[in-house]
N, C-alpha and C. Protein backbone atom coordinates (compact mmCIF):
# COMPACT_ATOMS: atom_id res chain seq x y z
N UNK A 1 0.37 -7.61 35.94
CA UNK A 1 0.81 -9.12 35.88
C UNK A 1 1.88 -9.31 36.70
N UNK A 2 1.44 -10.34 37.48
CA UNK A 2 2.57 -10.79 38.86
C UNK A 2 3.39 -11.88 37.90
N UNK A 3 4.53 -12.06 38.42
CA UNK A 3 5.49 -13.18 38.10
C UNK A 3 4.80 -14.95 37.67
N UNK A 4 4.02 -15.27 38.73
CA UNK A 4 3.35 -16.47 38.41
C UNK A 4 2.55 -16.50 37.56
N UNK A 5 1.50 -15.33 37.27
CA UNK A 5 0.97 -15.24 36.09
C UNK A 5 1.45 -14.95 34.76
N UNK A 6 2.90 -14.41 34.78
CA UNK A 6 3.45 -14.42 33.59
C UNK A 6 3.98 -15.70 33.32
N UNK A 7 4.69 -16.43 34.02
CA UNK A 7 4.95 -17.58 33.97
C UNK A 7 3.79 -18.56 33.37
N UNK A 8 2.71 -18.72 33.80
CA UNK A 8 1.63 -19.58 33.33
C UNK A 8 1.41 -19.08 31.92
N UNK A 9 1.36 -17.91 31.58
CA UNK A 9 0.99 -17.47 30.24
C UNK A 9 2.37 -17.95 29.27
N UNK A 10 3.48 -18.02 29.72
CA UNK A 10 4.51 -18.76 29.04
C UNK A 10 4.26 -20.24 28.73
N UNK A 11 3.92 -20.99 29.79
CA UNK A 11 3.71 -22.37 30.01
C UNK A 11 2.55 -22.40 28.90
N UNK A 12 1.58 -21.81 29.06
CA UNK A 12 0.37 -21.81 28.24
C UNK A 12 0.68 -21.68 26.66
N UNK A 13 1.91 -20.80 26.32
CA UNK A 13 2.25 -20.62 24.91
C UNK A 13 3.31 -21.89 24.79
N UNK A 14 3.75 -22.38 25.63
CA UNK A 14 4.63 -23.35 25.06
C UNK A 14 6.34 -22.80 25.11
N UNK A 15 6.57 -21.77 25.78
CA UNK A 15 7.69 -21.08 25.83
C UNK A 15 8.47 -21.76 27.19
N UNK A 16 9.72 -22.36 26.88
CA UNK A 16 10.64 -22.82 27.62
C UNK A 16 11.00 -21.89 28.84
N UNK A 17 11.34 -21.86 30.23
CA UNK A 17 12.27 -20.88 30.63
C UNK A 17 13.37 -20.52 30.34
N UNK A 18 14.23 -21.64 29.67
CA UNK A 18 15.46 -21.10 29.02
C UNK A 18 15.34 -20.42 27.84
N UNK A 19 14.34 -20.31 27.29
CA UNK A 19 13.92 -19.15 25.96
C UNK A 19 13.59 -17.71 26.55
N UNK A 20 12.95 -17.52 27.69
CA UNK A 20 13.08 -16.36 28.29
C UNK A 20 14.14 -15.26 28.09
N UNK A 21 15.36 -15.78 28.36
CA UNK A 21 16.37 -15.03 28.16
C UNK A 21 16.50 -14.24 26.76
N UNK A 22 15.85 -15.11 25.69
CA UNK A 22 15.74 -14.65 24.60
C UNK A 22 14.51 -13.57 24.36
N UNK A 23 13.57 -13.45 25.08
CA UNK A 23 12.48 -12.90 24.94
C UNK A 23 12.18 -11.36 25.83
N UNK A 24 11.26 -10.58 25.25
CA UNK A 24 10.84 -9.54 26.31
C UNK A 24 9.64 -9.90 26.78
N UNK A 25 9.45 -9.19 27.71
CA UNK A 25 7.99 -9.18 28.17
C UNK A 25 6.89 -9.08 27.43
N UNK A 26 7.06 -8.07 26.86
CA UNK A 26 6.13 -7.57 25.88
C UNK A 26 5.85 -8.26 24.72
N UNK A 27 7.10 -8.85 24.47
CA UNK A 27 6.72 -9.88 23.26
C UNK A 27 5.96 -11.05 23.46
N UNK A 28 6.20 -11.31 24.79
CA UNK A 28 5.27 -12.94 25.59
C UNK A 28 3.70 -12.02 25.53
N UNK A 29 3.72 -11.17 25.82
CA UNK A 29 2.27 -10.28 25.87
C UNK A 29 1.61 -10.41 24.73
N UNK A 30 2.51 -9.95 23.44
CA UNK A 30 1.78 -9.56 22.17
C UNK A 30 2.01 -11.37 21.95
N UNK A 31 2.34 -12.44 22.05
CA UNK A 31 2.04 -13.65 21.51
C UNK A 31 0.76 -14.02 22.30
N UNK A 32 0.74 -13.68 23.45
CA UNK A 32 -0.85 -14.26 24.19
C UNK A 32 -1.57 -13.53 23.57
N UNK A 33 -1.55 -12.11 23.28
CA UNK A 33 -2.75 -11.35 22.68
C UNK A 33 -3.18 -12.21 21.22
N UNK A 34 -1.94 -12.59 20.38
CA UNK A 34 -2.57 -13.04 19.09
C UNK A 34 -2.82 -14.46 19.11
N UNK A 35 -2.62 -15.24 20.23
CA UNK A 35 -2.99 -16.65 20.49
C UNK A 35 -4.62 -16.49 20.81
N UNK A 36 -5.10 -15.33 21.53
CA UNK A 36 -6.50 -15.17 21.43
C UNK A 36 -7.22 -14.44 20.37
N UNK A 37 -6.52 -14.02 19.49
CA UNK A 37 -7.12 -13.75 18.17
C UNK A 37 -7.21 -15.03 17.07
N UNK A 38 -6.57 -16.21 17.49
CA UNK A 38 -6.73 -17.54 16.53
C UNK A 38 -8.04 -17.67 16.17
N UNK A 39 -8.92 -17.50 16.81
CA UNK A 39 -10.15 -18.24 16.78
C UNK A 39 -11.16 -16.95 15.75
N UNK A 40 -10.66 -15.51 15.58
CA UNK A 40 -11.44 -14.64 15.10
C UNK A 40 -11.52 -14.84 13.47
N UNK A 41 -12.74 -14.81 13.41
CA UNK A 41 -12.92 -14.67 11.65
C UNK A 41 -13.22 -13.32 11.42
N UNK A 42 -12.10 -13.05 10.19
CA UNK A 42 -12.51 -11.42 9.75
C UNK A 42 -13.14 -11.55 8.33
N UNK A 43 -13.43 -10.43 8.36
CA UNK A 43 -14.15 -10.37 6.83
C UNK A 43 -13.19 -10.26 5.93
N UNK A 44 -13.92 -10.64 4.65
CA UNK A 44 -12.66 -11.06 3.41
C UNK A 44 -12.85 -9.44 2.78
N UNK A 45 -11.82 -9.14 2.48
CA UNK A 45 -11.57 -7.61 1.66
C UNK A 45 -12.61 -7.53 0.57
N UNK A 46 -13.20 -6.66 0.16
CA UNK A 46 -14.05 -6.58 -0.97
C UNK A 46 -13.46 -6.76 -2.19
N UNK A 47 -12.08 -5.66 -1.99
CA UNK A 47 -11.59 -5.81 -3.39
C UNK A 47 -9.96 -5.48 -3.29
N UNK A 48 -9.20 -5.64 -3.97
CA UNK A 48 -7.62 -5.59 -3.71
C UNK A 48 -7.39 -4.24 -4.27
N UNK A 49 -6.46 -3.25 -3.47
CA UNK A 49 -6.15 -2.10 -4.04
C UNK A 49 -5.36 -2.30 -5.34
N UNK A 50 -5.72 -1.15 -5.98
CA UNK A 50 -5.01 -0.80 -7.30
C UNK A 50 -3.92 0.12 -7.19
N UNK A 51 -3.25 0.17 -8.32
CA UNK A 51 -2.45 1.23 -8.65
C UNK A 51 -3.10 2.67 -8.02
N UNK A 52 -4.08 2.47 -8.65
CA UNK A 52 -4.70 4.21 -8.62
C UNK A 52 -5.08 4.42 -7.36
N UNK A 53 -5.43 3.49 -6.29
CA UNK A 53 -5.62 3.52 -4.88
C UNK A 53 -4.52 3.93 -4.25
N UNK A 54 -3.85 3.48 -4.56
CA UNK A 54 -2.33 4.10 -3.91
C UNK A 54 -1.96 5.13 -4.26
N UNK A 55 -2.18 5.76 -5.66
CA UNK A 55 -1.88 6.94 -6.16
C UNK A 55 -2.64 7.92 -5.34
N UNK A 56 -3.77 7.73 -5.21
CA UNK A 56 -4.91 8.81 -4.51
C UNK A 56 -4.36 8.65 -2.72
N UNK A 57 -3.63 7.63 -2.37
CA UNK A 57 -3.57 7.81 -0.99
C UNK A 57 -2.32 8.65 -0.64
């Protein structure tokens, strides 16, 4: 990833340049990845785990 592309991603995420002192490159990339997952619909869990399930684990 080039510097201009990184800065573009920051702008798209709404991160100010002054805030970059507080963030790592990895955190910004993780935020970008999660932004891409915002529209993904996940299957609903069929059931919740019980204490018996945890005991088996």
